[in-house]
Amino acid sequence: MNILIITDLEGISGIDSVEMVSDVGTPKHRFACERLMLDLNAAVEGAIDGGADNVYVVDGHGGGGNFISEMLHPKAIQLKSALRNEKMKNNKINAIMVIGAHAMAGTINGFYDHTQDSRAWYNYTVNGRKCGELAQTAIFAGAFDIPLIMVSGDEAACVEAKAFVSGVECALVKYGIGRNKARLVDLDKSLEEIKNSARNSMKLIDSIKPFKPLLPLNIELTLYRTDMCDKIVEKCANCERIDARTVRKTVSKIENYMDLLFV
């Protein structure tokens, strides 16, 4: 049984201010990355306890560079995005987990809520349904019949995950207070919850259905400003502008995560 764990940073335990995520190079950011490794390792241990033969991990925040290699669980196998895609396409992954998830843009009391680019992306919809990065991940995995079985993050992220994937296991590690602050769950308890959720989720691999919206996908993106929309139109050859701030694309087949974005 092969499991893929994708990480983000905003939904990691112990992170309760946006500065801990955004101020790279500071002691606070270093602490956030250390907590990332602890959360990830707890999920790896849980997956192994639940029967995983191989646990692959991907540093999914900001293009990578957040892992502290010497802290990574010795049984975890780190993958770059290209190799991740290859394994998913070739039926080498049985299920995925997301550690450190955050809620989509516009979520009340979602800590650091955003979708992709917090400065530019206002609304992102798939077949008319508002989505965020959790849904994107579930859709991409679902294209290869891989279920999303477990998520850790703040309360809003957990609620969002359950809205898209019925039965998904969730480990709640904090509660958003507005967007920029959070009330933390005890750090040791958070690690225990992540490990238990990961272990329990292994039992769900055959019962949780992959998330597969009907094809072709109608994807729309609304930007905050018209000039931001100008830039998207300039670089995205397969999209059309439908108003001053909104672009649209149609996806008939999902082969790469970028198919769900506007690049």
Protein backbone atom coordinates (compact mmCIF):
# COMPACT_ATOMS: atom_id res chain seq x y z
CA MET A 1 0.00 0.00 0.00
CA ASN A 2 1.52 3.31 -1.11
CA ILE A 3 0.49 6.62 0.46
CA LEU A 4 1.28 10.13 -0.74
CA ILE A 5 1.34 12.95 1.81
CA ILE A 6 1.25 16.53 0.51
CA THR A 7 2.07 19.31 2.97
CA ASP A 8 1.19 22.96 3.28
CA LEU A 9 2.29 25.35 6.01
CA GLU A 10 -0.67 27.48 7.09
CA GLY A 11 -2.53 24.60 8.74
CA ILE A 12 0.40 23.21 10.70
CA SER A 13 0.13 22.90 14.49
CA GLY A 14 1.74 25.63 16.58
CA ILE A 15 1.32 28.33 13.95
CA ASP A 16 -1.02 31.04 15.20
CA SER A 17 -0.01 34.20 13.31
CA VAL A 18 0.50 34.98 9.63
CA GLU A 19 4.02 36.24 10.32
CA MET A 20 5.08 32.71 11.22
CA VAL A 21 4.24 31.71 7.67
CA SER A 22 5.25 34.82 5.72
CA ASP A 23 8.38 36.11 7.47
CA VAL A 24 10.89 33.68 5.98
CA GLY A 25 14.27 33.56 7.69
CA THR A 26 13.01 34.59 11.13
CA PRO A 27 13.03 32.43 14.28
CA LYS A 28 9.24 32.27 14.11
CA HIS A 29 9.35 30.89 10.59
CA ARG A 30 12.00 28.35 11.58
CA PHE A 31 9.70 27.20 14.39
CA ALA A 32 6.86 26.85 11.86
CA CYS A 33 9.03 24.64 9.65
CA GLU A 34 10.03 22.54 12.66
CA ARG A 35 6.36 22.04 13.51
CA LEU A 36 5.75 21.13 9.86
CA MET A 37 8.24 18.30 10.18
CA LEU A 38 6.70 17.07 13.44
CA ASP A 39 3.18 17.08 11.97
CA LEU A 40 4.41 15.34 8.84
CA ASN A 41 6.32 12.70 10.79
CA ALA A 42 3.26 12.01 12.94
CA ALA A 43 1.24 11.38 9.77
CA VAL A 44 3.98 9.14 8.37
CA GLU A 45 4.01 7.09 11.57
CA GLY A 46 0.23 6.81 11.55
CA ALA A 47 0.16 5.69 7.94
CA ILE A 48 2.82 3.05 8.60
CA ASP A 49 0.99 1.84 11.71
CA GLY A 50 -2.13 1.58 9.55
CA GLY A 51 -0.45 -0.69 7.03
CA ALA A 52 1.34 1.56 4.53
CA ASP A 53 4.28 -0.08 2.79
CA ASN A 54 5.66 3.14 1.34
CA VAL A 55 4.93 6.72 2.37
CA TYR A 56 5.90 9.38 -0.17
CA VAL A 57 5.96 13.03 0.89
CA VAL A 58 5.85 16.26 -1.11
CA ASP A 59 6.72 19.74 0.18
CA GLY A 60 3.72 21.58 -1.21
CA HIS A 61 4.02 25.08 0.26
CA GLY A 62 5.28 27.91 -1.92
CA GLY A 63 7.11 25.68 -4.35
CA GLY A 64 9.02 23.82 -1.65
CA GLY A 65 12.02 24.64 0.48
CA ASN A 66 10.16 24.20 3.77
CA PHE A 67 11.34 20.73 4.79
CA ILE A 68 14.18 20.37 7.28
CA SER A 69 15.82 17.30 5.82
CA GLU A 70 17.51 16.12 8.99
CA MET A 71 14.14 16.07 10.74
CA LEU A 72 12.32 14.02 8.11
CA HIS A 73 11.08 10.60 9.23
CA PRO A 74 13.61 7.96 8.10
CA LYS A 75 10.90 5.89 6.40
CA ALA A 76 9.46 8.80 4.44
CA ILE A 77 10.41 9.07 0.76
CA GLN A 78 10.51 12.66 -0.49
CA LEU A 79 9.35 13.27 -4.06
CA LYS A 80 9.55 16.21 -6.41
CA SER A 81 6.32 17.23 -8.13
CA ALA A 82 7.18 15.60 -11.45
CA LEU A 83 7.83 12.21 -9.88
CA ARG A 84 4.69 12.59 -7.78
CA ASN A 85 2.65 13.06 -10.94
CA GLU A 86 4.29 10.06 -12.57
CA LYS A 87 3.51 7.77 -9.66
CA MET A 88 -0.10 8.96 -9.52
CA LYS A 89 -0.59 8.46 -13.25
CA ASN A 90 0.97 4.98 -13.16
CA ASN A 91 -1.23 3.65 -10.34
CA LYS A 92 1.61 3.66 -7.81
CA ILE A 93 -0.37 5.63 -5.20
CA ASN A 94 -3.35 4.16 -3.34
CA ALA A 95 -4.43 7.24 -1.38
CA ILE A 96 -3.35 10.75 -0.46
CA MET A 97 -3.27 12.81 2.73
CA VAL A 98 -2.87 16.58 3.15
CA ILE A 99 -1.02 17.86 6.22
CA GLY A 100 -1.24 21.55 7.13
CA ALA A 101 -4.26 22.47 5.02
CA HIS A 102 -5.98 25.85 5.02
CA ALA A 103 -9.46 26.94 3.93
CA MET A 104 -10.34 28.55 0.60
CA ALA A 105 -10.42 32.30 0.03
CA GLY A 106 -13.39 34.01 1.64
CA THR A 107 -13.86 31.58 4.54
CA ILE A 108 -14.96 33.14 7.83
CA ASN A 109 -12.52 32.29 10.64
CA GLY A 110 -10.31 30.39 8.25
CA PHE A 111 -6.73 30.97 9.38
CA TYR A 112 -4.81 32.54 6.47
CA ASP A 113 -7.69 31.66 4.13
CA HIS A 114 -6.72 31.90 0.48
CA THR A 115 -6.73 30.02 -2.80
CA GLN A 116 -3.37 29.78 -4.54
CA ASP A 117 -2.37 33.46 -4.63
CA SER A 118 -3.70 35.36 -1.62
CA ARG A 119 -2.88 38.71 -3.24
CA ALA A 120 -4.67 38.13 -6.54
CA TRP A 121 -7.18 35.23 -6.51
CA TYR A 122 -10.61 36.27 -5.23
CA ASN A 123 -12.90 33.39 -6.27
CA TYR A 124 -12.15 30.07 -7.94
CA THR A 125 -14.99 27.80 -9.06
CA VAL A 126 -15.21 24.39 -10.68
CA ASN A 127 -18.49 23.60 -12.45
CA GLY A 128 -20.05 26.50 -10.59
CA ARG A 129 -18.93 25.38 -7.13
CA LYS A 130 -16.53 27.54 -5.15
CA CYS A 131 -13.34 25.60 -4.44
CA GLY A 132 -9.94 25.98 -2.83
CA GLU A 133 -6.67 24.12 -2.78
CA LEU A 134 -8.13 21.14 -0.93
CA ALA A 135 -10.66 20.60 -3.69
CA GLN A 136 -7.96 21.08 -6.33
CA THR A 137 -5.88 18.35 -4.70
CA ALA A 138 -8.85 16.02 -4.39
CA ILE A 139 -9.84 16.63 -8.04
CA PHE A 140 -6.32 15.99 -9.31
CA ALA A 141 -6.03 12.78 -7.29
CA GLY A 142 -9.53 11.73 -8.31
CA ALA A 143 -8.58 11.99 -11.96
CA PHE A 144 -6.38 8.93 -11.33
CA ASP A 145 -8.96 7.22 -9.08
CA ILE A 146 -7.01 8.08 -5.91
CA PRO A 147 -9.05 9.05 -2.82
CA LEU A 148 -8.23 11.82 -0.35
CA ILE A 149 -8.46 10.00 2.98
CA MET A 150 -7.03 12.37 5.60
CA VAL A 151 -6.49 16.09 6.23
CA SER A 152 -4.98 18.08 9.08
CA GLY A 153 -5.43 21.80 9.58
CA ASP A 154 -7.56 24.42 11.26
CA GLU A 155 -11.26 23.94 11.96
CA ALA A 156 -12.33 25.70 8.74
CA ALA A 157 -10.07 23.50 6.62
CA CYS A 158 -11.47 20.37 8.24
CA VAL A 159 -15.05 21.50 7.61
CA GLU A 160 -14.16 22.25 4.01
CA ALA A 161 -12.52 18.87 3.49
CA LYS A 162 -15.61 17.07 4.77
CA ALA A 163 -17.84 19.14 2.48
CA PHE A 164 -15.99 17.84 -0.58
CA VAL A 165 -15.03 14.32 0.52
CA SER A 166 -17.55 12.36 2.55
CA GLY A 167 -15.96 10.35 5.34
CA VAL A 168 -12.50 11.91 5.15
CA GLU A 169 -10.52 11.71 8.41
CA CYS A 170 -9.57 15.08 9.88
CA ALA A 171 -7.12 16.15 12.57
CA LEU A 172 -8.02 19.58 13.95
CA VAL A 173 -4.97 21.47 15.25
CA LYS A 174 -6.24 25.05 15.63
CA TYR A 175 -9.24 27.38 15.42
CA GLY A 176 -9.10 30.50 13.27
CA ILE A 177 -9.82 33.82 14.99
CA GLY A 178 -10.60 35.93 11.98
CA ARG A 179 -7.95 35.42 9.29
CA ASN A 180 -4.68 36.41 10.91
CA LYS A 181 -4.76 34.72 14.31
CA ALA A 182 -5.56 31.27 15.64
CA ARG A 183 -6.24 29.51 18.92
CA LEU A 184 -4.04 26.46 19.10
CA VAL A 185 -4.82 22.95 20.20
CA ASP A 186 -2.20 21.62 22.62
CA LEU A 187 0.87 20.81 20.53
CA ASP A 188 1.38 17.29 21.84
CA LYS A 189 -2.32 16.55 21.45
CA SER A 190 -2.17 17.82 17.87
CA LEU A 191 0.56 15.34 16.99
CA GLU A 192 -1.40 12.55 18.61
CA GLU A 193 -4.52 13.53 16.66
CA ILE A 194 -2.60 13.61 13.37
CA LYS A 195 -1.05 10.21 13.99
CA ASN A 196 -4.38 8.67 15.00
CA SER A 197 -6.24 10.20 12.05
CA ALA A 198 -3.61 9.01 9.60
CA ARG A 199 -3.71 5.50 11.03
CA ASN A 200 -7.52 5.38 11.06
CA SER A 201 -7.75 6.75 7.53
CA MET A 202 -5.87 3.73 6.19
CA LYS A 203 -9.00 1.68 6.87
CA LEU A 204 -10.99 3.96 4.56
CA ILE A 205 -9.03 3.53 1.35
CA ASP A 206 -11.59 1.17 -0.18
CA SER A 207 -14.65 3.04 1.09
CA ILE A 208 -13.90 6.71 0.35
CA LYS A 209 -14.71 7.55 -3.24
CA PRO A 210 -12.25 9.59 -5.31
CA PHE A 211 -13.55 13.12 -5.89
CA LYS A 212 -14.43 13.28 -9.59
CA PRO A 213 -16.49 16.26 -10.79
CA LEU A 214 -18.11 15.73 -14.17
CA LEU A 215 -15.92 16.40 -17.18
CA PRO A 216 -15.40 18.67 -18.96
CA LEU A 217 -14.60 20.98 -16.05
CA ASN A 218 -15.72 24.57 -16.35
CA ILE A 219 -13.19 26.49 -14.26
CA GLU A 220 -13.57 30.19 -13.54
CA LEU A 221 -11.20 32.51 -11.70
CA THR A 222 -12.07 35.99 -10.47
CA LEU A 223 -9.15 38.27 -9.61
CA TYR A 224 -9.12 41.19 -7.22
CA ARG A 225 -8.28 43.78 -9.90
CA THR A 226 -8.60 44.20 -13.64
CA ASP A 227 -4.83 44.51 -14.15
CA MET A 228 -4.37 41.16 -12.43
CA CYS A 229 -6.82 39.69 -14.90
CA ASP A 230 -4.82 41.31 -17.72
CA LYS A 231 -1.74 39.35 -16.63
CA ILE A 232 -3.62 36.04 -16.49
CA VAL A 233 -4.98 36.54 -20.02
CA GLU A 234 -1.49 37.38 -21.32
CA LYS A 235 0.10 34.17 -20.03
CA CYS A 236 -2.79 31.68 -20.24
CA ALA A 237 -3.30 30.66 -23.86
CA ASN A 238 -6.27 28.34 -23.27
CA CYS A 239 -8.52 30.65 -21.26
CA GLU A 240 -11.03 33.31 -22.18
CA ARG A 241 -11.93 36.53 -20.44
CA ILE A 242 -15.60 36.75 -19.55
CA ASP A 243 -15.61 40.09 -17.74
CA ALA A 244 -13.22 42.69 -16.34
CA ARG A 245 -11.91 40.49 -13.53
CA THR A 246 -12.85 36.92 -14.52
CA VAL A 247 -11.33 34.29 -16.79
CA ARG A 248 -12.63 30.87 -17.74
CA LYS A 249 -11.17 27.66 -19.10
CA THR A 250 -12.56 24.26 -20.04
CA VAL A 251 -10.66 21.12 -19.07
CA SER A 252 -11.64 17.91 -20.85
CA LYS A 253 -8.89 15.74 -19.39
CA ILE A 254 -6.72 16.17 -16.30
CA GLU A 255 -3.14 15.09 -16.84
CA ASN A 256 -1.24 17.57 -14.67
CA TYR A 257 -2.04 19.67 -11.62
CA MET A 258 -1.44 22.76 -13.76
CA ASP A 259 -4.50 21.81 -15.81
CA LEU A 260 -6.55 23.08 -12.87
CA LEU A 261 -4.73 26.42 -12.71
CA PHE A 262 -4.32 29.42 -15.02
CA VAL A 263 -0.75 29.28 -16.29
